[in-house]
Amino acid sequence: MIDISKDIRSLSEFKRNRADFMNQIRTSGHPLVLTVNGNLEALEGTKKGLSDVEADRVTPLQQFEAEFRKTRGLPSRSR
């Protein structure tokens, strides 16, 4: 299983620390995912989202939708 906090890195970071990352791959047995050209920002957002889920800082979809529609004056969705 990939650990996104350790196993996803930028290509430039890998190039700077190649020996360390190769050692990490050997000792962990996990693959290393390398990001290129700005994909690191999306990765950081994903890490934050997963961290929020793990810390139970989430809102159920139905609750979010009801609040979203109310604050914007949108009609309720019929189900």
C-alpha atoms as a PDB file:
ATOM      1  CA  MET A   1       0.000   0.000   0.000  1.00  0.00           C
ATOM      2  CA  ILE A   2       1.302   3.446  -0.881  1.00  0.00           C
ATOM      3  CA  ASP A   3       1.756   5.899   1.981  1.00  0.00           C
ATOM      4  CA  ILE A   4       1.029   9.280   0.393  1.00  0.00           C
ATOM      5  CA  SER A   5       3.041  11.136   3.013  1.00  0.00           C
ATOM      6  CA  LYS A   6       6.191   9.154   2.167  1.00  0.00           C
ATOM      7  CA  ASP A   7       5.767   7.465  -1.215  1.00  0.00           C
ATOM      8  CA  ILE A   8       4.713  10.381  -3.457  1.00  0.00           C
ATOM      9  CA  ARG A   9       7.467  12.896  -4.229  1.00  0.00           C
ATOM     10  CA  SER A  10       8.391  15.404  -6.895  1.00  0.00           C
ATOM     11  CA  LEU A  11      10.812  14.380  -9.612  1.00  0.00           C
ATOM     12  CA  SER A  12      13.162  17.238  -8.717  1.00  0.00           C
ATOM     13  CA  GLU A  13      13.226  16.093  -5.075  1.00  0.00           C
ATOM     14  CA  PHE A  14      14.017  12.559  -6.248  1.00  0.00           C
ATOM     15  CA  LYS A  15      16.875  13.843  -8.414  1.00  0.00           C
ATOM     16  CA  ARG A  16      18.369  15.746  -5.450  1.00  0.00           C
ATOM     17  CA  ASN A  17      18.079  12.792  -3.038  1.00  0.00           C
ATOM     18  CA  ARG A  18      18.230   9.756  -5.315  1.00  0.00           C
ATOM     19  CA  ALA A  19      20.282   7.554  -2.963  1.00  0.00           C
ATOM     20  CA  ASP A  20      17.969   8.223  -0.006  1.00  0.00           C
ATOM     21  CA  PHE A  21      14.873   7.400  -2.045  1.00  0.00           C
ATOM     22  CA  MET A  22      16.398   4.238  -3.481  1.00  0.00           C
ATOM     23  CA  ASN A  23      17.162   3.131   0.073  1.00  0.00           C
ATOM     24  CA  GLN A  24      13.574   3.945   1.079  1.00  0.00           C
ATOM     25  CA  ILE A  25      12.239   1.807  -1.783  1.00  0.00           C
ATOM     26  CA  ARG A  26      14.479  -1.110  -0.820  1.00  0.00           C
ATOM     27  CA  THR A  27      13.652  -1.022   2.894  1.00  0.00           C
ATOM     28  CA  SER A  28       9.917  -0.291   2.649  1.00  0.00           C
ATOM     29  CA  GLY A  29       9.138  -2.442  -0.375  1.00  0.00           C
ATOM     30  CA  HIS A  30       6.738   0.303  -1.511  1.00  0.00           C
ATOM     31  CA  PRO A  31       6.865   1.896  -4.941  1.00  0.00           C
ATOM     32  CA  LEU A  32       7.710   5.581  -5.200  1.00  0.00           C
ATOM     33  CA  VAL A  33       5.369   7.825  -7.190  1.00  0.00           C
ATOM     34  CA  LEU A  34       7.046  10.821  -8.811  1.00  0.00           C
ATOM     35  CA  THR A  35       5.099  13.958  -9.736  1.00  0.00           C
ATOM     36  CA  VAL A  36       6.023  16.403 -12.499  1.00  0.00           C
ATOM     37  CA  ASN A  37       5.191  20.040 -13.367  1.00  0.00           C
ATOM     38  CA  GLY A  38       2.861  21.281 -10.673  1.00  0.00           C
ATOM     39  CA  ASN A  39       1.156  18.020  -9.829  1.00  0.00           C
ATOM     40  CA  LEU A  40       2.652  18.452  -6.359  1.00  0.00           C
ATOM     41  CA  GLU A  41       0.017  21.099  -5.539  1.00  0.00           C
ATOM     42  CA  ALA A  42      -2.767  18.634  -6.298  1.00  0.00           C
ATOM     43  CA  LEU A  43      -0.945  16.076  -4.214  1.00  0.00           C
ATOM     44  CA  GLU A  44      -0.796  18.449  -1.239  1.00  0.00           C
ATOM     45  CA  GLY A  45      -4.543  19.039  -1.555  1.00  0.00           C
ATOM     46  CA  THR A  46      -5.135  15.294  -1.598  1.00  0.00           C
ATOM     47  CA  LYS A  47      -2.945  14.820   1.478  1.00  0.00           C
ATOM     48  CA  LYS A  48      -4.883  17.532   3.315  1.00  0.00           C
ATOM     49  CA  GLY A  49      -8.213  15.965   2.327  1.00  0.00           C
ATOM     50  CA  LEU A  50      -7.160  12.535   3.529  1.00  0.00           C
ATOM     51  CA  SER A  51      -5.857  14.052   6.742  1.00  0.00           C
ATOM     52  CA  ASP A  52      -9.238  15.738   7.268  1.00  0.00           C
ATOM     53  CA  VAL A  53     -11.023  12.421   6.758  1.00  0.00           C
ATOM     54  CA  GLU A  54      -8.739  10.654   9.222  1.00  0.00           C
ATOM     55  CA  ALA A  55      -9.328  13.433  11.801  1.00  0.00           C
ATOM     56  CA  ASP A  56     -13.106  13.316  11.187  1.00  0.00           C
ATOM     57  CA  ARG A  57     -13.176  16.916   9.895  1.00  0.00           C
ATOM     58  CA  VAL A  58     -15.786  16.113   7.250  1.00  0.00           C
ATOM     59  CA  THR A  59     -19.429  16.949   6.490  1.00  0.00           C
ATOM     60  CA  PRO A  60     -21.876  14.362   5.128  1.00  0.00           C
ATOM     61  CA  LEU A  61     -22.868  15.106   1.525  1.00  0.00           C
ATOM     62  CA  GLN A  62     -26.593  15.593   2.262  1.00  0.00           C
ATOM     63  CA  GLN A  63     -25.806  18.079   5.043  1.00  0.00           C
ATOM     64  CA  PHE A  64     -23.355  19.993   2.858  1.00  0.00           C
ATOM     65  CA  GLU A  65     -25.809  20.126  -0.040  1.00  0.00           C
ATOM     66  CA  ALA A  66     -28.667  21.374   2.156  1.00  0.00           C
ATOM     67  CA  GLU A  67     -26.477  24.110   3.663  1.00  0.00           C
ATOM     68  CA  PHE A  68     -25.042  25.042   0.262  1.00  0.00           C
ATOM     69  CA  ARG A  69     -28.489  25.387  -1.307  1.00  0.00           C
ATOM     70  CA  LYS A  70     -29.859  27.353   1.675  1.00  0.00           C
ATOM     71  CA  THR A  71     -27.005  29.894   1.724  1.00  0.00           C
ATOM     72  CA  ARG A  72     -27.359  30.481  -2.022  1.00  0.00           C
ATOM     73  CA  GLY A  73     -31.144  30.596  -2.105  1.00  0.00           C
ATOM     74  CA  LEU A  74     -31.409  27.494  -4.282  1.00  0.00           C
ATOM     75  CA  PRO A  75     -34.466  25.209  -4.101  1.00  0.00           C
ATOM     76  CA  SER A  76     -34.166  21.856  -2.371  1.00  0.00           C
ATOM     77  CA  ARG A  77     -33.475  18.900  -4.612  1.00  0.00           C
ATOM     78  CA  SER A  78     -36.299  16.419  -4.894  1.00  0.00           C
ATOM     79  CA  ARG A  79     -35.122  12.883  -4.461  1.00  0.00           C
END
